[in-house]
ModelCIF file with pLDDT and N, C-alpha, C, O atoms, coordinates in Angstrom:
data_MODEL
#
_entry.id   MODEL 
#
_entity.id                         1 
_entity.type                       polymer 
_entity.pdbx_number_of_molecules   1 
#
_entity_poly.entity_id                      1 
_entity_poly.type                           'polypeptide(L)' 
_entity_poly.nstd_linkage                   no 
_entity_poly.nstd_monomer                   no 
_entity_poly.pdbx_seq_one_letter_code       YQVARSMASGEGFAVPAPEDERQAHGDWGTDGRFYAPYA 
_entity_poly.pdbx_seq_one_letter_code_can   YQVARSMASGEGFAVPAPEDERQAHGDWGTDGRFYAPYA 
_entity_poly.pdbx_strand_id                 A 
#
loop_
_entity_poly_seq.entity_id 
_entity_poly_seq.num 
_entity_poly_seq.mon_id 
_entity_poly_seq.hetero 
1 1  TYR n 
1 2  GLN n 
1 3  VAL n 
1 4  ALA n 
1 5  ARG n 
1 6  SER n 
1 7  MET n 
1 8  ALA n 
1 9  SER n 
1 10 GLY n 
1 11 GLU n 
1 12 GLY n 
1 13 PHE n 
1 14 ALA n 
1 15 VAL n 
1 16 PRO n 
1 17 ALA n 
1 18 PRO n 
1 19 GLU n 
1 20 ASP n 
1 21 GLU n 
1 22 ARG n 
1 23 GLN n 
1 24 ALA n 
1 25 HIS n 
1 26 GLY n 
1 27 ASP n 
1 28 TRP n 
1 29 GLY n 
1 30 THR n 
1 31 ASP n 
1 32 GLY n 
1 33 ARG n 
1 34 PHE n 
1 35 TYR n 
1 36 ALA n 
1 37 PRO n 
1 38 TYR n 
1 39 ALA n 
#
_struct_asym.id          A 
_struct_asym.entity_id   1 
#
loop_
_ma_qa_metric.id 
_ma_qa_metric.mode 
_ma_qa_metric.name 
_ma_qa_metric.software_group_id 
_ma_qa_metric.type 
1 global pLDDT . pLDDT 
2 local  pLDDT . pLDDT 
#
_ma_qa_metric_global.metric_id      1 
_ma_qa_metric_global.metric_value   79.13 
_ma_qa_metric_global.model_id       1 
_ma_qa_metric_global.ordinal_id     1 
#
loop_
_ma_qa_metric_local.label_asym_id 
_ma_qa_metric_local.label_comp_id 
_ma_qa_metric_local.label_seq_id 
_ma_qa_metric_local.metric_id 
_ma_qa_metric_local.metric_value 
_ma_qa_metric_local.model_id 
_ma_qa_metric_local.ordinal_id 
A TYR 1  2 84.00 1 1  
A GLN 2  2 84.00 1 2  
A VAL 3  2 87.00 1 3  
A ALA 4  2 87.00 1 4  
A ARG 5  2 87.00 1 5  
A SER 6  2 86.00 1 6  
A MET 7  2 86.00 1 7  
A ALA 8  2 87.00 1 8  
A SER 9  2 85.00 1 9  
A GLY 10 2 82.00 1 10 
A GLU 11 2 81.00 1 11 
A GLY 12 2 81.00 1 12 
A PHE 13 2 83.00 1 13 
A ALA 14 2 84.00 1 14 
A VAL 15 2 81.00 1 15 
A PRO 16 2 79.00 1 16 
A ALA 17 2 74.00 1 17 
A PRO 18 2 74.00 1 18 
A GLU 19 2 71.00 1 19 
A ASP 20 2 64.00 1 20 
A GLU 21 2 64.00 1 21 
A ARG 22 2 61.00 1 22 
A GLN 23 2 60.00 1 23 
A ALA 24 2 67.00 1 24 
A HIS 25 2 75.00 1 25 
A GLY 26 2 77.00 1 26 
A ASP 27 2 77.00 1 27 
A TRP 28 2 81.00 1 28 
A GLY 29 2 78.00 1 29 
A THR 30 2 82.00 1 30 
A ASP 31 2 84.00 1 31 
A GLY 32 2 81.00 1 32 
A ARG 33 2 83.00 1 33 
A PHE 34 2 81.00 1 34 
A TYR 35 2 83.00 1 35 
A ALA 36 2 83.00 1 36 
A PRO 37 2 83.00 1 37 
A TYR 38 2 80.00 1 38 
A ALA 39 2 79.00 1 39 
#
loop_
_atom_site.group_PDB 
_atom_site.id 
_atom_site.type_symbol 
_atom_site.label_atom_id 
_atom_site.label_alt_id 
_atom_site.label_comp_id 
_atom_site.label_asym_id 
_atom_site.label_entity_id 
_atom_site.label_seq_id 
_atom_site.pdbx_PDB_ins_code 
_atom_site.Cartn_x 
_atom_site.Cartn_y 
_atom_site.Cartn_z 
_atom_site.occupancy 
_atom_site.B_iso_or_equiv 
_atom_site.pdbx_formal_charge 
_atom_site.auth_seq_id 
_atom_site.auth_comp_id 
_atom_site.auth_asym_id 
_atom_site.auth_atom_id 
_atom_site.pdbx_PDB_model_num 
ATOM 1   N N  . TYR A 1 1  ? 24.543 -19.038 -99.880  1.00 84.00 ? 1  TYR A N  1 
ATOM 2   C CA . TYR A 1 1  ? 24.812 -20.258 -99.108  1.00 84.00 ? 1  TYR A CA 1 
ATOM 3   C C  . TYR A 1 1  ? 25.471 -21.318 -99.986  1.00 84.00 ? 1  TYR A C  1 
ATOM 4   O O  . TYR A 1 1  ? 26.431 -21.958 -99.556  1.00 84.00 ? 1  TYR A O  1 
ATOM 5   N N  . GLN A 1 2  ? 24.974 -21.517 -101.208 1.00 84.00 ? 2  GLN A N  1 
ATOM 6   C CA . GLN A 1 2  ? 25.526 -22.550 -102.083 1.00 84.00 ? 2  GLN A CA 1 
ATOM 7   C C  . GLN A 1 2  ? 26.974 -22.250 -102.469 1.00 84.00 ? 2  GLN A C  1 
ATOM 8   O O  . GLN A 1 2  ? 27.789 -23.167 -102.572 1.00 84.00 ? 2  GLN A O  1 
ATOM 9   N N  . VAL A 1 3  ? 27.298 -20.978 -102.682 1.00 87.00 ? 3  VAL A N  1 
ATOM 10  C CA . VAL A 1 3  ? 28.683 -20.620 -102.984 1.00 87.00 ? 3  VAL A CA 1 
ATOM 11  C C  . VAL A 1 3  ? 29.566 -20.884 -101.762 1.00 87.00 ? 3  VAL A C  1 
ATOM 12  O O  . VAL A 1 3  ? 30.673 -21.405 -101.900 1.00 87.00 ? 3  VAL A O  1 
ATOM 13  N N  . ALA A 1 4  ? 29.085 -20.530 -100.574 1.00 87.00 ? 4  ALA A N  1 
ATOM 14  C CA . ALA A 1 4  ? 29.848 -20.787 -99.346  1.00 87.00 ? 4  ALA A CA 1 
ATOM 15  C C  . ALA A 1 4  ? 30.056 -22.290 -99.152  1.00 87.00 ? 4  ALA A C  1 
ATOM 16  O O  . ALA A 1 4  ? 31.140 -22.726 -98.766  1.00 87.00 ? 4  ALA A O  1 
ATOM 17  N N  . ARG A 1 5  ? 29.015 -23.077 -99.421  1.00 87.00 ? 5  ARG A N  1 
ATOM 18  C CA . ARG A 1 5  ? 29.124 -24.534 -99.286  1.00 87.00 ? 5  ARG A CA 1 
ATOM 19  C C  . ARG A 1 5  ? 30.142 -25.086 -100.277 1.00 87.00 ? 5  ARG A C  1 
ATOM 20  O O  . ARG A 1 5  ? 30.933 -25.963 -99.930  1.00 87.00 ? 5  ARG A O  1 
ATOM 21  N N  . SER A 1 6  ? 30.126 -24.579 -101.504 1.00 86.00 ? 6  SER A N  1 
ATOM 22  C CA . SER A 1 6  ? 31.095 -25.028 -102.510 1.00 86.00 ? 6  SER A CA 1 
ATOM 23  C C  . SER A 1 6  ? 32.518 -24.676 -102.102 1.00 86.00 ? 6  SER A C  1 
ATOM 24  O O  . SER A 1 6  ? 33.436 -25.477 -102.275 1.00 86.00 ? 6  SER A O  1 
ATOM 25  N N  . MET A 1 7  ? 32.700 -23.465 -101.556 1.00 86.00 ? 7  MET A N  1 
ATOM 26  C CA . MET A 1 7  ? 34.040 -23.064 -101.110 1.00 86.00 ? 7  MET A CA 1 
ATOM 27  C C  . MET A 1 7  ? 34.496 -23.932 -99.941  1.00 86.00 ? 7  MET A C  1 
ATOM 28  O O  . MET A 1 7  ? 35.656 -24.339 -99.892  1.00 86.00 ? 7  MET A O  1 
ATOM 29  N N  . ALA A 1 8  ? 33.605 -24.217 -99.009  1.00 87.00 ? 8  ALA A N  1 
ATOM 30  C CA . ALA A 1 8  ? 33.964 -25.011 -97.836  1.00 87.00 ? 8  ALA A CA 1 
ATOM 31  C C  . ALA A 1 8  ? 34.335 -26.442 -98.217  1.00 87.00 ? 8  ALA A C  1 
ATOM 32  O O  . ALA A 1 8  ? 35.189 -27.057 -97.579  1.00 87.00 ? 8  ALA A O  1 
ATOM 33  N N  . SER A 1 9  ? 33.703 -26.963 -99.242  1.00 85.00 ? 9  SER A N  1 
ATOM 34  C CA . SER A 1 9  ? 33.987 -28.340 -99.646  1.00 85.00 ? 9  SER A CA 1 
ATOM 35  C C  . SER A 1 9  ? 35.134 -28.438 -100.644 1.00 85.00 ? 9  SER A C  1 
ATOM 36  O O  . SER A 1 9  ? 35.487 -29.536 -101.074 1.00 85.00 ? 9  SER A O  1 
ATOM 37  N N  . GLY A 1 10 ? 35.721 -27.299 -101.018 1.00 82.00 ? 10 GLY A N  1 
ATOM 38  C CA . GLY A 1 10 ? 36.864 -27.294 -101.914 1.00 82.00 ? 10 GLY A CA 1 
ATOM 39  C C  . GLY A 1 10 ? 36.504 -27.437 -103.377 1.00 82.00 ? 10 GLY A C  1 
ATOM 40  O O  . GLY A 1 10 ? 37.362 -27.777 -104.192 1.00 82.00 ? 10 GLY A O  1 
ATOM 41  N N  . GLU A 1 11 ? 35.248 -27.182 -103.729 1.00 81.00 ? 11 GLU A N  1 
ATOM 42  C CA . GLU A 1 11 ? 34.804 -27.321 -105.116 1.00 81.00 ? 11 GLU A CA 1 
ATOM 43  C C  . GLU A 1 11 ? 34.909 -26.027 -105.902 1.00 81.00 ? 11 GLU A C  1 
ATOM 44  O O  . GLU A 1 11 ? 34.518 -25.995 -107.069 1.00 81.00 ? 11 GLU A O  1 
ATOM 45  N N  . GLY A 1 12 ? 35.415 -24.974 -105.317 1.00 81.00 ? 12 GLY A N  1 
ATOM 46  C CA . GLY A 1 12 ? 35.526 -23.702 -106.011 1.00 81.00 ? 12 GLY A CA 1 
ATOM 47  C C  . GLY A 1 12 ? 34.315 -22.825 -105.755 1.00 81.00 ? 12 GLY A C  1 
ATOM 48  O O  . GLY A 1 12 ? 33.741 -22.839 -104.666 1.00 81.00 ? 12 GLY A O  1 
ATOM 49  N N  . PHE A 1 13 ? 33.929 -22.058 -106.773 1.00 83.00 ? 13 PHE A N  1 
ATOM 50  C CA . PHE A 1 13 ? 32.851 -21.081 -106.611 1.00 83.00 ? 13 PHE A CA 1 
ATOM 51  C C  . PHE A 1 13 ? 31.571 -21.463 -107.347 1.00 83.00 ? 13 PHE A C  1 
ATOM 52  O O  . PHE A 1 13 ? 30.584 -20.730 -107.279 1.00 83.00 ? 13 PHE A O  1 
ATOM 53  N N  . ALA A 1 14 ? 31.566 -22.583 -108.043 1.00 84.00 ? 14 ALA A N  1 
ATOM 54  C CA . ALA A 1 14 ? 30.398 -23.000 -108.810 1.00 84.00 ? 14 ALA A CA 1 
ATOM 55  C C  . ALA A 1 14 ? 29.290 -23.490 -107.884 1.00 84.00 ? 14 ALA A C  1 
ATOM 56  O O  . ALA A 1 14 ? 29.546 -23.986 -106.787 1.00 84.00 ? 14 ALA A O  1 
ATOM 57  N N  . VAL A 1 15 ? 28.060 -23.340 -108.351 1.00 81.00 ? 15 VAL A N  1 
ATOM 58  C CA . VAL A 1 15 ? 26.882 -23.794 -107.596 1.00 81.00 ? 15 VAL A CA 1 
ATOM 59  C C  . VAL A 1 15 ? 26.148 -24.826 -108.439 1.00 81.00 ? 15 VAL A C  1 
ATOM 60  O O  . VAL A 1 15 ? 26.380 -24.913 -109.645 1.00 81.00 ? 15 VAL A O  1 
ATOM 61  N N  . PRO A 1 16 ? 25.262 -25.612 -107.823 1.00 79.00 ? 16 PRO A N  1 
ATOM 62  C CA . PRO A 1 16 ? 24.487 -26.560 -108.622 1.00 79.00 ? 16 PRO A CA 1 
ATOM 63  C C  . PRO A 1 16 ? 23.633 -25.834 -109.662 1.00 79.00 ? 16 PRO A C  1 
ATOM 64  O O  . PRO A 1 16 ? 23.032 -24.800 -109.371 1.00 79.00 ? 16 PRO A O  1 
ATOM 65  N N  . ALA A 1 17 ? 23.586 -26.373 -110.847 1.00 74.00 ? 17 ALA A N  1 
ATOM 66  C CA . ALA A 1 17 ? 22.799 -25.757 -111.915 1.00 74.00 ? 17 ALA A CA 1 
ATOM 67  C C  . ALA A 1 17 ? 21.311 -25.888 -111.606 1.00 74.00 ? 17 ALA A C  1 
ATOM 68  O O  . ALA A 1 17 ? 20.880 -26.916 -111.083 1.00 74.00 ? 17 ALA A O  1 
ATOM 69  N N  . PRO A 1 18 ? 20.527 -24.870 -111.918 1.00 74.00 ? 18 PRO A N  1 
ATOM 70  C CA . PRO A 1 18 ? 19.089 -24.952 -111.670 1.00 74.00 ? 18 PRO A CA 1 
ATOM 71  C C  . PRO A 1 18 ? 18.445 -25.980 -112.599 1.00 74.00 ? 18 PRO A C  1 
ATOM 72  O O  . PRO A 1 18 ? 18.884 -26.166 -113.734 1.00 74.00 ? 18 PRO A O  1 
ATOM 73  N N  . GLU A 1 19 ? 17.410 -26.637 -112.107 1.00 71.00 ? 19 GLU A N  1 
ATOM 74  C CA . GLU A 1 19 ? 16.723 -27.628 -112.925 1.00 71.00 ? 19 GLU A CA 1 
ATOM 75  C C  . GLU A 1 19 ? 15.909 -26.964 -114.031 1.00 71.00 ? 19 GLU A C  1 
ATOM 76  O O  . GLU A 1 19 ? 15.773 -27.517 -115.122 1.00 71.00 ? 19 GLU A O  1 
ATOM 77  N N  . ASP A 1 20 ? 15.377 -25.803 -113.755 1.00 64.00 ? 20 ASP A N  1 
ATOM 78  C CA . ASP A 1 20 ? 14.565 -25.078 -114.717 1.00 64.00 ? 20 ASP A CA 1 
ATOM 79  C C  . ASP A 1 20 ? 15.351 -23.859 -115.196 1.00 64.00 ? 20 ASP A C  1 
ATOM 80  O O  . ASP A 1 20 ? 15.636 -22.957 -114.408 1.00 64.00 ? 20 ASP A O  1 
ATOM 81  N N  . GLU A 1 21 ? 15.698 -23.827 -116.467 1.00 64.00 ? 21 GLU A N  1 
ATOM 82  C CA . GLU A 1 21 ? 16.497 -22.727 -117.008 1.00 64.00 ? 21 GLU A CA 1 
ATOM 83  C C  . GLU A 1 21 ? 15.822 -21.366 -116.852 1.00 64.00 ? 21 GLU A C  1 
ATOM 84  O O  . GLU A 1 21 ? 16.504 -20.343 -116.794 1.00 64.00 ? 21 GLU A O  1 
ATOM 85  N N  . ARG A 1 22 ? 14.494 -21.342 -116.784 1.00 61.00 ? 22 ARG A N  1 
ATOM 86  C CA . ARG A 1 22 ? 13.783 -20.072 -116.637 1.00 61.00 ? 22 ARG A CA 1 
ATOM 87  C C  . ARG A 1 22 ? 14.004 -19.464 -115.257 1.00 61.00 ? 22 ARG A C  1 
ATOM 88  O O  . ARG A 1 22 ? 13.808 -18.263 -115.071 1.00 61.00 ? 22 ARG A O  1 
ATOM 89  N N  . GLN A 1 23 ? 14.410 -20.285 -114.287 1.00 60.00 ? 23 GLN A N  1 
ATOM 90  C CA . GLN A 1 23 ? 14.643 -19.796 -112.932 1.00 60.00 ? 23 GLN A CA 1 
ATOM 91  C C  . GLN A 1 23 ? 16.127 -19.612 -112.642 1.00 60.00 ? 23 GLN A C  1 
ATOM 92  O O  . GLN A 1 23 ? 16.524 -19.493 -111.483 1.00 60.00 ? 23 GLN A O  1 
ATOM 93  N N  . ALA A 1 24 ? 16.937 -19.590 -113.678 1.00 67.00 ? 24 ALA A N  1 
ATOM 94  C CA . ALA A 1 24 ? 18.385 -19.490 -113.501 1.00 67.00 ? 24 ALA A CA 1 
ATOM 95  C C  . ALA A 1 24 ? 18.778 -18.078 -113.076 1.00 67.00 ? 24 ALA A C  1 
ATOM 96  O O  . ALA A 1 24 ? 18.486 -17.106 -113.773 1.00 67.00 ? 24 ALA A O  1 
ATOM 97  N N  . HIS A 1 25 ? 19.431 -17.978 -111.944 1.00 75.00 ? 25 HIS A N  1 
ATOM 98  C CA . HIS A 1 25 ? 20.001 -16.715 -111.471 1.00 75.00 ? 25 HIS A CA 1 
ATOM 99  C C  . HIS A 1 25 ? 21.512 -16.917 -111.471 1.00 75.00 ? 25 HIS A C  1 
ATOM 100 O O  . HIS A 1 25 ? 22.090 -17.351 -110.474 1.00 75.00 ? 25 HIS A O  1 
ATOM 101 N N  . GLY A 1 26 ? 22.125 -16.609 -112.562 1.00 77.00 ? 26 GLY A N  1 
ATOM 102 C CA . GLY A 1 26 ? 23.548 -16.812 -112.698 1.00 77.00 ? 26 GLY A CA 1 
ATOM 103 C C  . GLY A 1 26 ? 23.884 -17.057 -114.150 1.00 77.00 ? 26 GLY A C  1 
ATOM 104 O O  . GLY A 1 26 ? 23.105 -16.727 -115.044 1.00 77.00 ? 26 GLY A O  1 
ATOM 105 N N  . ASP A 1 27 ? 25.049 -17.639 -114.384 1.00 77.00 ? 27 ASP A N  1 
ATOM 106 C CA . ASP A 1 27 ? 25.477 -17.853 -115.757 1.00 77.00 ? 27 ASP A CA 1 
ATOM 107 C C  . ASP A 1 27 ? 26.418 -19.047 -115.817 1.00 77.00 ? 27 ASP A C  1 
ATOM 108 O O  . ASP A 1 27 ? 27.040 -19.424 -114.824 1.00 77.00 ? 27 ASP A O  1 
ATOM 109 N N  . TRP A 1 28 ? 26.504 -19.625 -116.997 1.00 81.00 ? 28 TRP A N  1 
ATOM 110 C CA . TRP A 1 28 ? 27.402 -20.740 -117.224 1.00 81.00 ? 28 TRP A CA 1 
ATOM 111 C C  . TRP A 1 28 ? 28.808 -20.216 -117.491 1.00 81.00 ? 28 TRP A C  1 
ATOM 112 O O  . TRP A 1 28 ? 28.991 -19.256 -118.239 1.00 81.00 ? 28 TRP A O  1 
ATOM 113 N N  . GLY A 1 29 ? 29.795 -20.852 -116.875 1.00 78.00 ? 29 GLY A N  1 
ATOM 114 C CA . GLY A 1 29 ? 31.180 -20.483 -117.106 1.00 78.00 ? 29 GLY A CA 1 
ATOM 115 C C  . GLY A 1 29 ? 31.740 -21.190 -118.317 1.00 78.00 ? 29 GLY A C  1 
ATOM 116 O O  . GLY A 1 29 ? 31.093 -22.072 -118.883 1.00 78.00 ? 29 GLY A O  1 
ATOM 117 N N  . THR A 1 30 ? 32.942 -20.808 -118.720 1.00 82.00 ? 30 THR A N  1 
ATOM 118 C CA . THR A 1 30 ? 33.569 -21.446 -119.873 1.00 82.00 ? 30 THR A CA 1 
ATOM 119 C C  . THR A 1 30 ? 33.957 -22.889 -119.580 1.00 82.00 ? 30 THR A C  1 
ATOM 120 O O  . THR A 1 30 ? 34.228 -23.665 -120.497 1.00 82.00 ? 30 THR A O  1 
ATOM 121 N N  . ASP A 1 31 ? 33.983 -23.248 -118.290 1.00 84.00 ? 31 ASP A N  1 
ATOM 122 C CA . ASP A 1 31 ? 34.293 -24.622 -117.901 1.00 84.00 ? 31 ASP A CA 1 
ATOM 123 C C  . ASP A 1 31 ? 33.052 -25.502 -117.839 1.00 84.00 ? 31 ASP A C  1 
ATOM 124 O O  . ASP A 1 31 ? 33.145 -26.675 -117.475 1.00 84.00 ? 31 ASP A O  1 
ATOM 125 N N  . GLY A 1 32 ? 31.883 -24.948 -118.191 1.00 81.00 ? 32 GLY A N  1 
ATOM 126 C CA . GLY A 1 32 ? 30.653 -25.722 -118.194 1.00 81.00 ? 32 GLY A CA 1 
ATOM 127 C C  . GLY A 1 32 ? 29.953 -25.799 -116.848 1.00 81.00 ? 32 GLY A C  1 
ATOM 128 O O  . GLY A 1 32 ? 28.953 -26.504 -116.713 1.00 81.00 ? 32 GLY A O  1 
ATOM 129 N N  . ARG A 1 33 ? 30.459 -25.088 -115.854 1.00 83.00 ? 33 ARG A N  1 
ATOM 130 C CA . ARG A 1 33 ? 29.842 -25.079 -114.528 1.00 83.00 ? 33 ARG A CA 1 
ATOM 131 C C  . ARG A 1 33 ? 28.998 -23.817 -114.381 1.00 83.00 ? 33 ARG A C  1 
ATOM 132 O O  . ARG A 1 33 ? 29.203 -22.834 -115.093 1.00 83.00 ? 33 ARG A O  1 
ATOM 133 N N  . PHE A 1 34 ? 28.041 -23.856 -113.442 1.00 81.00 ? 34 PHE A N  1 
ATOM 134 C CA . PHE A 1 34 ? 27.125 -22.738 -113.229 1.00 81.00 ? 34 PHE A CA 1 
ATOM 135 C C  . PHE A 1 34 ? 27.624 -21.868 -112.083 1.00 81.00 ? 34 PHE A C  1 
ATOM 136 O O  . PHE A 1 34 ? 28.047 -22.390 -111.052 1.00 81.00 ? 34 PHE A O  1 
ATOM 137 N N  . TYR A 1 35 ? 27.580 -20.545 -112.251 1.00 83.00 ? 35 TYR A N  1 
ATOM 138 C CA . TYR A 1 35 ? 28.092 -19.612 -111.255 1.00 83.00 ? 35 TYR A CA 1 
ATOM 139 C C  . TYR A 1 35 ? 27.024 -18.595 -110.875 1.00 83.00 ? 35 TYR A C  1 
ATOM 140 O O  . TYR A 1 35 ? 26.239 -18.157 -111.716 1.00 83.00 ? 35 TYR A O  1 
ATOM 141 N N  . ALA A 1 36 ? 27.008 -18.229 -109.604 1.00 83.00 ? 36 ALA A N  1 
ATOM 142 C CA . ALA A 1 36 ? 26.087 -17.206 -109.116 1.00 83.00 ? 36 ALA A CA 1 
ATOM 143 C C  . ALA A 1 36 ? 26.535 -15.836 -109.629 1.00 83.00 ? 36 ALA A C  1 
ATOM 144 O O  . ALA A 1 36 ? 27.721 -15.635 -109.888 1.00 83.00 ? 36 ALA A O  1 
ATOM 145 N N  . PRO A 1 37 ? 25.598 -14.890 -109.778 1.00 83.00 ? 37 PRO A N  1 
ATOM 146 C CA . PRO A 1 37 ? 25.949 -13.585 -110.337 1.00 83.00 ? 37 PRO A CA 1 
ATOM 147 C C  . PRO A 1 37 ? 26.499 -12.585 -109.321 1.00 83.00 ? 37 PRO A C  1 
ATOM 148 O O  . PRO A 1 37 ? 26.599 -11.396 -109.626 1.00 83.00 ? 37 PRO A O  1 
ATOM 149 N N  . TYR A 1 38 ? 26.852 -13.040 -108.134 1.00 80.00 ? 38 TYR A N  1 
ATOM 150 C CA . TYR A 1 38 ? 27.258 -12.111 -107.072 1.00 80.00 ? 38 TYR A CA 1 
ATOM 151 C C  . TYR A 1 38 ? 28.749 -12.208 -106.811 1.00 80.00 ? 38 TYR A C  1 
ATOM 152 O O  . TYR A 1 38 ? 29.384 -13.219 -107.108 1.00 80.00 ? 38 TYR A O  1 
ATOM 153 N N  . ALA A 1 39 ? 29.291 -11.146 -106.254 1.00 79.00 ? 39 ALA A N  1 
ATOM 154 C CA . ALA A 1 39 ? 30.689 -11.160 -105.818 1.00 79.00 ? 39 ALA A CA 1 
ATOM 155 C C  . ALA A 1 39 ? 30.815 -12.093 -104.616 1.00 79.00 ? 39 ALA A C  1 
ATOM 156 O O  . ALA A 1 39 ? 31.910 -12.261 -104.078 1.00 79.00 ? 39 ALA A O  1 
#
């Protein structure tokens, strides 16, 4: 849902970074934004 929301708003494919790093499902991109691990 967050990736779809980002695409709809024209922000690309990045999602909001998780507040707790231990619950992070994804990875940081080279641009410093957080990305989901799914296609």
